[in-house]
C-alpha atoms as a PDB file:
ATOM      1  CA  UNK A   1      17.159  24.854-138.838  1.00  0.00           C
ATOM      2  CA  UNK A   2      19.086  28.129-138.365  1.00  0.00           C
ATOM      3  CA  UNK A   3      22.851  27.679-138.668  1.00  0.00           C
ATOM      4  CA  UNK A   4      23.287  29.253-135.219  1.00  0.00           C
ATOM      5  CA  UNK A   5      21.615  26.229-133.685  1.00  0.00           C
ATOM      6  CA  UNK A   6      24.421  24.051-134.967  1.00  0.00           C
ATOM      7  CA  UNK A   7      26.933  26.016-132.870  1.00  0.00           C
ATOM      8  CA  UNK A   8      29.804  23.595-132.317  1.00  0.00           C
ATOM      9  CA  UNK A   9      31.540  25.558-129.555  1.00  0.00           C
ATOM     10  CA  UNK A  10      28.754  25.695-126.999  1.00  0.00           C
ATOM     11  CA  UNK A  11      28.529  27.676-123.780  1.00  0.00           C
ATOM     12  CA  UNK A  12      28.791  26.141-120.326  1.00  0.00           C
ATOM     13  CA  UNK A  13      29.132  29.199-118.085  1.00  0.00           C
ATOM     14  CA  UNK A  14      28.521  32.893-118.614  1.00  0.00           C
ATOM     15  CA  UNK A  15      30.266  35.821-116.922  1.00  0.00           C
ATOM     16  CA  UNK A  16      29.346  39.429-117.748  1.00  0.00           C
ATOM     17  CA  UNK A  17      31.507  42.447-116.993  1.00  0.00           C
ATOM     18  CA  UNK A  18      28.666  44.850-116.138  1.00  0.00           C
ATOM     19  CA  UNK A  19      26.094  42.585-114.467  1.00  0.00           C
ATOM     20  CA  UNK A  20      26.490  40.353-111.397  1.00  0.00           C
ATOM     21  CA  UNK A  21      25.463  36.728-111.389  1.00  0.00           C
ATOM     22  CA  UNK A  22      22.368  36.090-109.261  1.00  0.00           C
ATOM     23  CA  UNK A  23      22.201  32.331-109.564  1.00  0.00           C
ATOM     24  CA  UNK A  24      23.736  29.526-111.593  1.00  0.00           C
ATOM     25  CA  UNK A  25      21.203  26.718-111.959  1.00  0.00           C
ATOM     26  CA  UNK A  26      21.566  23.365-113.640  1.00  0.00           C
ATOM     27  CA  UNK A  27      21.048  24.913-117.071  1.00  0.00           C
ATOM     28  CA  UNK A  28      20.441  28.673-116.711  1.00  0.00           C
ATOM     29  CA  UNK A  29      22.627  31.527-115.525  1.00  0.00           C
ATOM     30  CA  UNK A  30      20.687  34.518-114.151  1.00  0.00           C
ATOM     31  CA  UNK A  31      22.075  38.059-113.954  1.00  0.00           C
ATOM     32  CA  UNK A  32      20.971  41.148-112.026  1.00  0.00           C
ATOM     33  CA  UNK A  33      19.877  44.051-114.257  1.00  0.00           C
ATOM     34  CA  UNK A  34      18.406  46.081-111.412  1.00  0.00           C
ATOM     35  CA  UNK A  35      14.623  46.001-111.783  1.00  0.00           C
ATOM     36  CA  UNK A  36      14.919  43.172-114.279  1.00  0.00           C
ATOM     37  CA  UNK A  37      16.816  39.920-114.717  1.00  0.00           C
ATOM     38  CA  UNK A  38      18.699  38.415-117.641  1.00  0.00           C
ATOM     39  CA  UNK A  39      18.170  34.666-118.025  1.00  0.00           C
ATOM     40  CA  UNK A  40      20.733  32.850-120.163  1.00  0.00           C
ATOM     41  CA  UNK A  41      20.113  29.260-121.274  1.00  0.00           C
ATOM     42  CA  UNK A  42      23.531  27.592-121.441  1.00  0.00           C
ATOM     43  CA  UNK A  43      24.382  24.292-123.093  1.00  0.00           C
ATOM     44  CA  UNK A  44      24.846  22.497-119.780  1.00  0.00           C
ATOM     45  CA  UNK A  45      22.821  19.363-119.249  1.00  0.00           C
ATOM     46  CA  UNK A  46      22.032  17.383-116.118  1.00  0.00           C
ATOM     47  CA  UNK A  47      20.937  13.822-115.452  1.00  0.00           C
ATOM     48  CA  UNK A  48      20.054  12.165-112.176  1.00  0.00           C
ATOM     49  CA  UNK A  49      20.390  15.628-110.563  1.00  0.00           C
ATOM     50  CA  UNK A  50      24.054  15.917-111.572  1.00  0.00           C
ATOM     51  CA  UNK A  51      25.347  18.515-114.041  1.00  0.00           C
ATOM     52  CA  UNK A  52      27.402  16.567-116.586  1.00  0.00           C
ATOM     53  CA  UNK A  53      30.918  17.512-117.734  1.00  0.00           C
ATOM     54  CA  UNK A  54      29.696  17.288-121.333  1.00  0.00           C
ATOM     55  CA  UNK A  55      27.462  19.876-122.934  1.00  0.00           C
ATOM     56  CA  UNK A  56      24.962  19.788-125.794  1.00  0.00           C
ATOM     57  CA  UNK A  57      26.168  22.606-128.095  1.00  0.00           C
ATOM     58  CA  UNK A  58      23.239  24.759-129.237  1.00  0.00           C
ATOM     59  CA  UNK A  59      20.770  23.304-126.722  1.00  0.00           C
ATOM     60  CA  UNK A  60      20.300  26.623-124.931  1.00  0.00           C
ATOM     61  CA  UNK A  61      19.267  28.326-128.169  1.00  0.00           C
ATOM     62  CA  UNK A  62      16.735  25.587-128.909  1.00  0.00           C
ATOM     63  CA  UNK A  63      15.291  25.728-125.374  1.00  0.00           C
ATOM     64  CA  UNK A  64      14.874  29.496-125.596  1.00  0.00           C
ATOM     65  CA  UNK A  65      13.095  29.225-128.946  1.00  0.00           C
ATOM     66  CA  UNK A  66      10.730  26.519-127.642  1.00  0.00           C
ATOM     67  CA  UNK A  67       9.841  28.567-124.569  1.00  0.00           C
ATOM     68  CA  UNK A  68       9.228  31.651-126.734  1.00  0.00           C
ATOM     69  CA  UNK A  69       6.919  29.616-128.967  1.00  0.00           C
ATOM     70  CA  UNK A  70       4.850  28.497-125.979  1.00  0.00           C
ATOM     71  CA  UNK A  71       4.851  31.854-124.179  1.00  0.00           C
ATOM     72  CA  UNK A  72       3.413  33.405-127.342  1.00  0.00           C
ATOM     73  CA  UNK A  73       0.994  30.534-127.982  1.00  0.00           C
ATOM     74  CA  UNK A  74      -0.425  30.708-124.451  1.00  0.00           C
ATOM     75  CA  UNK A  75      -0.413  34.479-123.971  1.00  0.00           C
ATOM     76  CA  UNK A  76      -4.204  34.630-124.022  1.00  0.00           C
ATOM     77  CA  UNK A  77      -4.389  32.470-120.892  1.00  0.00           C
ATOM     78  CA  UNK A  78      -1.635  33.847-118.677  1.00  0.00           C
ATOM     79  CA  UNK A  79       0.866  36.707-118.911  1.00  0.00           C
ATOM     80  CA  UNK A  80       4.554  35.840-118.872  1.00  0.00           C
ATOM     81  CA  UNK A  81       7.592  37.527-117.383  1.00  0.00           C
ATOM     82  CA  UNK A  82       9.348  38.559-120.610  1.00  0.00           C
ATOM     83  CA  UNK A  83       9.947  42.216-121.363  1.00  0.00           C
ATOM     84  CA  UNK A  84      10.146  43.705-124.844  1.00  0.00           C
ATOM     85  CA  UNK A  85      13.795  44.675-124.350  1.00  0.00           C
ATOM     86  CA  UNK A  86      16.671  43.113-126.242  1.00  0.00           C
ATOM     87  CA  UNK A  87      20.400  42.740-125.825  1.00  0.00           C
ATOM     88  CA  UNK A  88      21.000  46.092-127.563  1.00  0.00           C
ATOM     89  CA  UNK A  89      19.435  47.747-124.502  1.00  0.00           C
ATOM     90  CA  UNK A  90      22.163  46.347-122.227  1.00  0.00           C
ATOM     91  CA  UNK A  91      25.739  47.406-121.475  1.00  0.00           C
ATOM     92  CA  UNK A  92      27.477  44.518-123.211  1.00  0.00           C
ATOM     93  CA  UNK A  93      30.639  44.126-125.226  1.00  0.00           C
ATOM     94  CA  UNK A  94      30.369  42.891-128.798  1.00  0.00           C
ATOM     95  CA  UNK A  95      31.740  39.529-127.685  1.00  0.00           C
ATOM     96  CA  UNK A  96      29.192  39.232-124.876  1.00  0.00           C
ATOM     97  CA  UNK A  97      26.330  40.210-127.173  1.00  0.00           C
ATOM     98  CA  UNK A  98      27.364  37.587-129.716  1.00  0.00           C
ATOM     99  CA  UNK A  99      27.684  34.915-127.022  1.00  0.00           C
ATOM    100  CA  UNK A 100      24.214  35.666-125.605  1.00  0.00           C
ATOM    101  CA  UNK A 101      22.393  35.903-128.942  1.00  0.00           C
ATOM    102  CA  UNK A 102      19.396  33.579-129.224  1.00  0.00           C
ATOM    103  CA  UNK A 103      19.795  32.113-125.740  1.00  0.00           C
ATOM    104  CA  UNK A 104      18.872  35.105-123.554  1.00  0.00           C
ATOM    105  CA  UNK A 105      15.656  36.540-122.151  1.00  0.00           C
ATOM    106  CA  UNK A 106      15.203  39.811-120.266  1.00  0.00           C
ATOM    107  CA  UNK A 107      12.430  39.408-117.710  1.00  0.00           C
ATOM    108  CA  UNK A 108      10.659  41.366-115.014  1.00  0.00           C
ATOM    109  CA  UNK A 109      11.420  40.307-111.472  1.00  0.00           C
ATOM    110  CA  UNK A 110       8.701  38.119-109.990  1.00  0.00           C
ATOM    111  CA  UNK A 111       7.908  37.026-106.464  1.00  0.00           C
ATOM    112  CA  UNK A 112       8.327  33.330-107.212  1.00  0.00           C
ATOM    113  CA  UNK A 113       5.740  30.862-105.955  1.00  0.00           C
ATOM    114  CA  UNK A 114       7.845  27.923-104.784  1.00  0.00           C
ATOM    115  CA  UNK A 115       5.573  25.259-106.251  1.00  0.00           C
ATOM    116  CA  UNK A 116       5.952  23.170-109.385  1.00  0.00           C
ATOM    117  CA  UNK A 117       2.501  23.166-110.956  1.00  0.00           C
ATOM    118  CA  UNK A 118       2.550  19.740-112.582  1.00  0.00           C
ATOM    119  CA  UNK A 119      -0.212  18.571-114.909  1.00  0.00           C
ATOM    120  CA  UNK A 120      -0.380  14.932-115.954  1.00  0.00           C
ATOM    121  CA  UNK A 121      -2.476  13.557-118.800  1.00  0.00           C
ATOM    122  CA  UNK A 122      -0.808  10.137-118.813  1.00  0.00           C
ATOM    123  CA  UNK A 123       0.540   7.997-115.977  1.00  0.00           C
ATOM    124  CA  UNK A 124       4.335   8.017-116.225  1.00  0.00           C
ATOM    125  CA  UNK A 125       7.468   8.914-114.317  1.00  0.00           C
ATOM    126  CA  UNK A 126       7.060   9.580-110.594  1.00  0.00           C
ATOM    127  CA  UNK A 127       3.282   9.455-111.024  1.00  0.00           C
ATOM    128  CA  UNK A 128       3.491   5.852-112.201  1.00  0.00           C
ATOM    129  CA  UNK A 129       5.875   4.972-109.366  1.00  0.00           C
ATOM    130  CA  UNK A 130       3.437   6.379-106.792  1.00  0.00           C
ATOM    131  CA  UNK A 131       0.533   4.482-108.334  1.00  0.00           C
ATOM    132  CA  UNK A 132       2.536   1.242-108.395  1.00  0.00           C
ATOM    133  CA  UNK A 133       3.394   1.486-104.724  1.00  0.00           C
ATOM    134  CA  UNK A 134       0.280   3.129-103.277  1.00  0.00           C
ATOM    135  CA  UNK A 135      -2.490   3.053-105.881  1.00  0.00           C
ATOM    136  CA  UNK A 136      -2.687   6.846-105.769  1.00  0.00           C
ATOM    137  CA  UNK A 137      -1.608   9.918-107.710  1.00  0.00           C
ATOM    138  CA  UNK A 138      -0.713  12.993-105.645  1.00  0.00           C
ATOM    139  CA  UNK A 139      -2.315  11.241-102.704  1.00  0.00           C
ATOM    140  CA  UNK A 140      -5.641  10.651-104.468  1.00  0.00           C
ATOM    141  CA  UNK A 141      -6.794   7.146-105.464  1.00  0.00           C
ATOM    142  CA  UNK A 142      -6.841   6.010-109.086  1.00  0.00           C
ATOM    143  CA  UNK A 143      -8.747   3.069-110.592  1.00  0.00           C
ATOM    144  CA  UNK A 144      -6.858  -0.175-109.951  1.00  0.00           C
ATOM    145  CA  UNK A 145      -7.036  -0.908-113.693  1.00  0.00           C
ATOM    146  CA  UNK A 146      -4.689   1.959-114.611  1.00  0.00           C
ATOM    147  CA  UNK A 147      -1.674   0.905-116.649  1.00  0.00           C
ATOM    148  CA  UNK A 148       1.685   2.501-117.255  1.00  0.00           C
ATOM    149  CA  UNK A 149       1.343   5.317-119.822  1.00  0.00           C
ATOM    150  CA  UNK A 150      -2.430   5.055-119.421  1.00  0.00           C
ATOM    151  CA  UNK A 151      -4.474   8.168-120.175  1.00  0.00           C
ATOM    152  CA  UNK A 152      -5.814  10.146-117.247  1.00  0.00           C
ATOM    153  CA  UNK A 153      -9.248  11.552-117.988  1.00  0.00           C
ATOM    154  CA  UNK A 154      -9.414  14.384-117.228  1.00  0.00           C
ATOM    155  CA  UNK A 155      -5.772  15.466-116.782  1.00  0.00           C
ATOM    156  CA  UNK A 156      -4.705  15.733-113.137  1.00  0.00           C
ATOM    157  CA  UNK A 157      -3.097  18.639-111.317  1.00  0.00           C
ATOM    158  CA  UNK A 158      -0.347  17.167-109.122  1.00  0.00           C
ATOM    159  CA  UNK A 159       1.728  19.910-107.459  1.00  0.00           C
ATOM    160  CA  UNK A 160       5.233  19.510-106.119  1.00  0.00           C
ATOM    161  CA  UNK A 161       7.318  21.476-103.664  1.00  0.00           C
ATOM    162  CA  UNK A 162      10.310  23.034-105.457  1.00  0.00           C
ATOM    163  CA  UNK A 163      13.826  21.866-104.701  1.00  0.00           C
ATOM    164  CA  UNK A 164      16.485  23.740-106.647  1.00  0.00           C
ATOM    165  CA  UNK A 165      19.242  21.252-105.843  1.00  0.00           C
ATOM    166  CA  UNK A 166      17.522  17.834-105.945  1.00  0.00           C
ATOM    167  CA  UNK A 167      14.241  16.144-106.690  1.00  0.00           C
ATOM    168  CA  UNK A 168      11.046  18.123-106.234  1.00  0.00           C
ATOM    169  CA  UNK A 169       8.721  16.725-103.556  1.00  0.00           C
ATOM    170  CA  UNK A 170       5.264  15.669-104.716  1.00  0.00           C
ATOM    171  CA  UNK A 171       2.495  16.998-102.475  1.00  0.00           C
ATOM    172  CA  UNK A 172      -1.291  16.686-102.414  1.00  0.00           C
ATOM    173  CA  UNK A 173      -3.684  19.450-103.410  1.00  0.00           C
ATOM    174  CA  UNK A 174      -4.673  19.715 -99.738  1.00  0.00           C
ATOM    175  CA  UNK A 175      -1.036  20.245 -98.768  1.00  0.00           C
ATOM    176  CA  UNK A 176      -0.736  22.896-101.463  1.00  0.00           C
ATOM    177  CA  UNK A 177      -3.720  24.764-100.026  1.00  0.00           C
ATOM    178  CA  UNK A 178      -2.142  24.603 -96.580  1.00  0.00           C
ATOM    179  CA  UNK A 179       1.089  26.085 -97.925  1.00  0.00           C
ATOM    180  CA  UNK A 180      -0.152  28.888-100.192  1.00  0.00           C
ATOM    181  CA  UNK A 181      -3.778  29.358 -99.140  1.00  0.00           C
ATOM    182  CA  UNK A 182      -6.953  27.908-100.642  1.00  0.00           C
ATOM    183  CA  UNK A 183      -7.633  30.775-103.031  1.00  0.00           C
ATOM    184  CA  UNK A 184      -4.173  30.814-104.613  1.00  0.00           C
ATOM    185  CA  UNK A 185      -4.146  27.000-104.743  1.00  0.00           C
ATOM    186  CA  UNK A 186      -7.421  27.016-106.705  1.00  0.00           C
ATOM    187  CA  UNK A 187      -6.129  29.700-109.065  1.00  0.00           C
ATOM    188  CA  UNK A 188      -2.866  27.858-109.727  1.00  0.00           C
ATOM    189  CA  UNK A 189      -4.744  24.657-110.496  1.00  0.00           C
ATOM    190  CA  UNK A 190      -7.235  26.348-112.807  1.00  0.00           C
ATOM    191  CA  UNK A 191      -4.581  28.258-114.764  1.00  0.00           C
ATOM    192  CA  UNK A 192      -2.331  25.208-115.043  1.00  0.00           C
ATOM    193  CA  UNK A 193      -5.133  23.046-116.429  1.00  0.00           C
ATOM    194  CA  UNK A 194      -6.172  25.724-118.931  1.00  0.00           C
ATOM    195  CA  UNK A 195      -2.584  26.141-120.115  1.00  0.00           C
ATOM    196  CA  UNK A 196      -2.141  22.396-120.442  1.00  0.00           C
ATOM    197  CA  UNK A 197      -5.388  21.881-122.358  1.00  0.00           C
ATOM    198  CA  UNK A 198      -4.425  24.479-124.945  1.00  0.00           C
ATOM    199  CA  UNK A 199      -0.852  23.215-125.169  1.00  0.00           C
ATOM    200  CA  UNK A 200      -2.038  19.641-125.700  1.00  0.00           C
ATOM    201  CA  UNK A 201      -4.257  20.825-128.565  1.00  0.00           C
ATOM    202  CA  UNK A 202      -1.386  22.687-130.224  1.00  0.00           C
ATOM    203  CA  UNK A 203       1.072  19.826-129.728  1.00  0.00           C
ATOM    204  CA  UNK A 204      -1.389  17.327-131.206  1.00  0.00           C
ATOM    205  CA  UNK A 205      -1.283  19.253-134.469  1.00  0.00           C
ATOM    206  CA  UNK A 206       2.426  18.409-134.618  1.00  0.00           C
ATOM    207  CA  UNK A 207       1.817  14.732-133.846  1.00  0.00           C
ATOM    208  CA  UNK A 208       2.905  14.978-130.207  1.00  0.00           C
ATOM    209  CA  UNK A 209       1.347  13.839-126.967  1.00  0.00           C
ATOM    210  CA  UNK A 210       2.354  15.906-123.952  1.00  0.00           C
ATOM    211  CA  UNK A 211       2.183  13.263-121.259  1.00  0.00           C
ATOM    212  CA  UNK A 212       2.968  15.712-118.460  1.00  0.00           C
ATOM    213  CA  UNK A 213       4.591  19.062-117.833  1.00  0.00           C
ATOM    214  CA  UNK A 214       5.364  21.512-115.069  1.00  0.00           C
ATOM    215  CA  UNK A 215       4.598  25.209-114.968  1.00  0.00           C
ATOM    216  CA  UNK A 216       6.205  27.776-112.699  1.00  0.00           C
ATOM    217  CA  UNK A 217       4.523  30.980-111.614  1.00  0.00           C
ATOM    218  CA  UNK A 218       5.359  34.183-109.807  1.00  0.00           C
ATOM    219  CA  UNK A 219       3.518  37.337-108.857  1.00  0.00           C
ATOM    220  CA  UNK A 220       4.170  40.500-110.901  1.00  0.00           C
ATOM    221  CA  UNK A 221       2.074  43.578-110.128  1.00  0.00           C
ATOM    222  CA  UNK A 222      -0.383  41.389-108.254  1.00  0.00           C
ATOM    223  CA  UNK A 223      -0.974  39.011-111.186  1.00  0.00           C
ATOM    224  CA  UNK A 224      -0.138  35.318-111.437  1.00  0.00           C
ATOM    225  CA  UNK A 225       2.526  35.259-114.152  1.00  0.00           C
ATOM    226  CA  UNK A 226       4.140  32.403-116.062  1.00  0.00           C
ATOM    227  CA  UNK A 227       7.899  32.365-115.477  1.00  0.00           C
ATOM    228  CA  UNK A 228      11.049  30.312-116.089  1.00  0.00           C
ATOM    229  CA  UNK A 229      10.851  27.924-119.064  1.00  0.00           C
ATOM    230  CA  UNK A 230       7.615  26.517-120.428  1.00  0.00           C
ATOM    231  CA  UNK A 231       6.850  23.211-122.145  1.00  0.00           C
ATOM    232  CA  UNK A 232      10.418  22.433-123.167  1.00  0.00           C
ATOM    233  CA  UNK A 233      11.674  18.840-123.376  1.00  0.00           C
ATOM    234  CA  UNK A 234      13.477  19.560-120.079  1.00  0.00           C
ATOM    235  CA  UNK A 235      10.196  20.299-118.294  1.00  0.00           C
ATOM    236  CA  UNK A 236       7.769  18.117-120.248  1.00  0.00           C
ATOM    237  CA  UNK A 237       7.334  14.563-121.478  1.00  0.00           C
ATOM    238  CA  UNK A 238       6.777  14.623-125.262  1.00  0.00           C
ATOM    239  CA  UNK A 239       5.664  11.376-126.899  1.00  0.00           C
ATOM    240  CA  UNK A 240       5.109  10.414-130.515  1.00  0.00           C
ATOM    241  CA  UNK A 241       1.315  10.217-130.729  1.00  0.00           C
ATOM    242  CA  UNK A 242       1.300   7.370-133.249  1.00  0.00           C
ATOM    243  CA  UNK A 243       3.562   5.273-131.027  1.00  0.00           C
ATOM    244  CA  UNK A 244       1.424   5.488-127.898  1.00  0.00           C
ATOM    245  CA  UNK A 245      -0.254   2.404-126.484  1.00  0.00           C
ATOM    246  CA  UNK A 246      -1.250   1.770-122.849  1.00  0.00           C
ATOM    247  CA  UNK A 247       1.129  -0.459-120.946  1.00  0.00           C
ATOM    248  CA  UNK A 248       4.445   0.984-122.104  1.00  0.00           C
ATOM    249  CA  UNK A 249       5.929   4.423-122.529  1.00  0.00           C
ATOM    250  CA  UNK A 250       6.669   5.376-126.145  1.00  0.00           C
ATOM    251  CA  UNK A 251       9.985   6.986-127.097  1.00  0.00           C
ATOM    252  CA  UNK A 252      10.332  10.521-125.786  1.00  0.00           C
ATOM    253  CA  UNK A 253      11.882  13.695-127.147  1.00  0.00           C
ATOM    254  CA  UNK A 254      14.128  14.595-124.260  1.00  0.00           C
ATOM    255  CA  UNK A 255      17.443  13.572-122.716  1.00  0.00           C
ATOM    256  CA  UNK A 256      16.474   9.911-122.326  1.00  0.00           C
ATOM    257  CA  UNK A 257      19.365   8.771-124.576  1.00  0.00           C
ATOM    258  CA  UNK A 258      21.706  10.339-122.018  1.00  0.00           C
ATOM    259  CA  UNK A 259      19.974   8.645-119.074  1.00  0.00           C
ATOM    260  CA  UNK A 260      20.046   5.298-120.893  1.00  0.00           C
ATOM    261  CA  UNK A 261      23.738   5.580-121.741  1.00  0.00           C
ATOM    262  CA  UNK A 262      24.668   6.608-118.198  1.00  0.00           C
ATOM    263  CA  UNK A 263      22.640   3.706-116.805  1.00  0.00           C
ATOM    264  CA  UNK A 264      24.654   1.329-118.999  1.00  0.00           C
ATOM    265  CA  UNK A 265      27.914   2.455-117.363  1.00  0.00           C
ATOM    266  CA  UNK A 266      29.276   1.773-113.891  1.00  0.00           C
ATOM    267  CA  UNK A 267      28.653   5.382-112.806  1.00  0.00           C
ATOM    268  CA  UNK A 268      27.196   5.594-109.276  1.00  0.00           C
ATOM    269  CA  UNK A 269      25.149   8.776-110.002  1.00  0.00           C
ATOM    270  CA  UNK A 270      27.456  10.933-107.922  1.00  0.00           C
ATOM    271  CA  UNK A 271      29.746  13.664-109.281  1.00  0.00           C
ATOM    272  CA  UNK A 272      31.783  13.559-111.364  1.00  0.00           C
ATOM    273  CA  UNK A 273      29.803  11.997-114.188  1.00  0.00           C
ATOM    274  CA  UNK A 274      31.470  10.402-117.210  1.00  0.00           C
ATOM    275  CA  UNK A 275      31.925  12.272-120.491  1.00  0.00           C
ATOM    276  CA  UNK A 276      29.197  11.613-123.061  1.00  0.00           C
ATOM    277  CA  UNK A 277      30.069   9.986-126.406  1.00  0.00           C
ATOM    278  CA  UNK A 278      29.623  12.285-129.395  1.00  0.00           C
ATOM    279  CA  UNK A 279      26.773  10.202-130.927  1.00  0.00           C
ATOM    280  CA  UNK A 280      24.745  10.597-127.705  1.00  0.00           C
ATOM    281  CA  UNK A 281      25.328  14.363-127.751  1.00  0.00           C
ATOM    282  CA  UNK A 282      24.219  14.572-131.387  1.00  0.00           C
ATOM    283  CA  UNK A 283      21.122  12.409-130.870  1.00  0.00           C
ATOM    284  CA  UNK A 284      20.020  14.465-127.877  1.00  0.00           C
ATOM    285  CA  UNK A 285      20.289  17.772-129.724  1.00  0.00           C
ATOM    286  CA  UNK A 286      18.383  16.326-132.692  1.00  0.00           C
ATOM    287  CA  UNK A 287      15.507  15.407-130.380  1.00  0.00           C
ATOM    288  CA  UNK A 288      15.306  18.917-128.936  1.00  0.00           C
ATOM    289  CA  UNK A 289      15.488  20.480-132.393  1.00  0.00           C
ATOM    290  CA  UNK A 290      12.813  18.096-133.654  1.00  0.00           C
ATOM    291  CA  UNK A 291      10.345  19.320-131.047  1.00  0.00           C
ATOM    292  CA  UNK A 292      10.807  22.952-132.060  1.00  0.00           C
ATOM    293  CA  UNK A 293      10.704  22.349-135.796  1.00  0.00           C
ATOM    294  CA  UNK A 294       7.560  20.236-135.700  1.00  0.00           C
ATOM    295  CA  UNK A 295       5.715  22.658-133.426  1.00  0.00           C
ATOM    296  CA  UNK A 296       6.529  25.665-135.596  1.00  0.00           C
ATOM    297  CA  UNK A 297       5.781  23.875-138.876  1.00  0.00           C
ATOM    298  CA  UNK A 298       2.398  22.636-137.643  1.00  0.00           C
ATOM    299  CA  UNK A 299       1.434  25.999-136.138  1.00  0.00           C
ATOM    300  CA  UNK A 300       2.619  28.691-138.571  1.00  0.00           C
ATOM    301  CA  UNK A 301       0.126  31.252-137.274  1.00  0.00           C
ATOM    302  CA  UNK A 302       1.722  31.593-133.847  1.00  0.00           C
ATOM    303  CA  UNK A 303       3.076  35.085-133.320  1.00  0.00           C
ATOM    304  CA  UNK A 304       6.670  34.882-132.167  1.00  0.00           C
ATOM    305  CA  UNK A 305       8.465  37.631-130.288  1.00  0.00           C
ATOM    306  CA  UNK A 306      11.945  38.417-131.565  1.00  0.00           C
ATOM    307  CA  UNK A 307      14.543  36.570-129.499  1.00  0.00           C
ATOM    308  CA  UNK A 308      16.983  38.626-127.449  1.00  0.00           C
END
């Protein structure tokens, strides 16, 4: 593990002297570079749609490295929005350049498609809740014998309408076609399933199951392009393959320790949230780091672009 990933100071918000802030999301700060954007993964973390007062120092560096691994691994299926430029190409002070190192990506501007392209290979999360209450997944019936964490064969494309401030809204494939047009809906589904199939194969070599994930796309020069983050523990459900059994969800590699600790308190899930104990912070970062390290170790042939 690079020493930089053990950064004990952490970064919660970024301000740059030469570039205006475009948007401050739950985790990422985005800056206007003119024809391009600078995406900075901070160490903020959210739970139950609330950004917590605590941070996970080094998390942004890990998330950037995981996304770079997957962008490179999946480049034969879909182009991504990264440019080949680095921080040395920008008008930054030495302090700014040091702060942004390892957690920044310069990208081409994309006309974002406001759909979360979710692929599910196992029945969990909101998919399980829908099945429990309605017997369906994304509005389509499933066999009544399905169990929690049961395998979906083949994996299902279950789109959602993006909501940058709260929960995304699950929609049917028919609703997706109504919103973006039948041709684009078919293309998004096909690309998402191809990306997921290859990612599942790669993850299996590291002993992981990817139960579900979400892809985001935009249009660049008329091409459907992979944008944002990809297959990180923030956007995907990683399970230990050896621990999987239908009927119960195995331990994940995400921020579940944070959710569990918050659920054990009297917090009402409205801001402000309580401060996280140090052991929870440490455990969460170890889970994120574990995903990266196992993926890279099991797939040494993946070409990796130098981080900005």
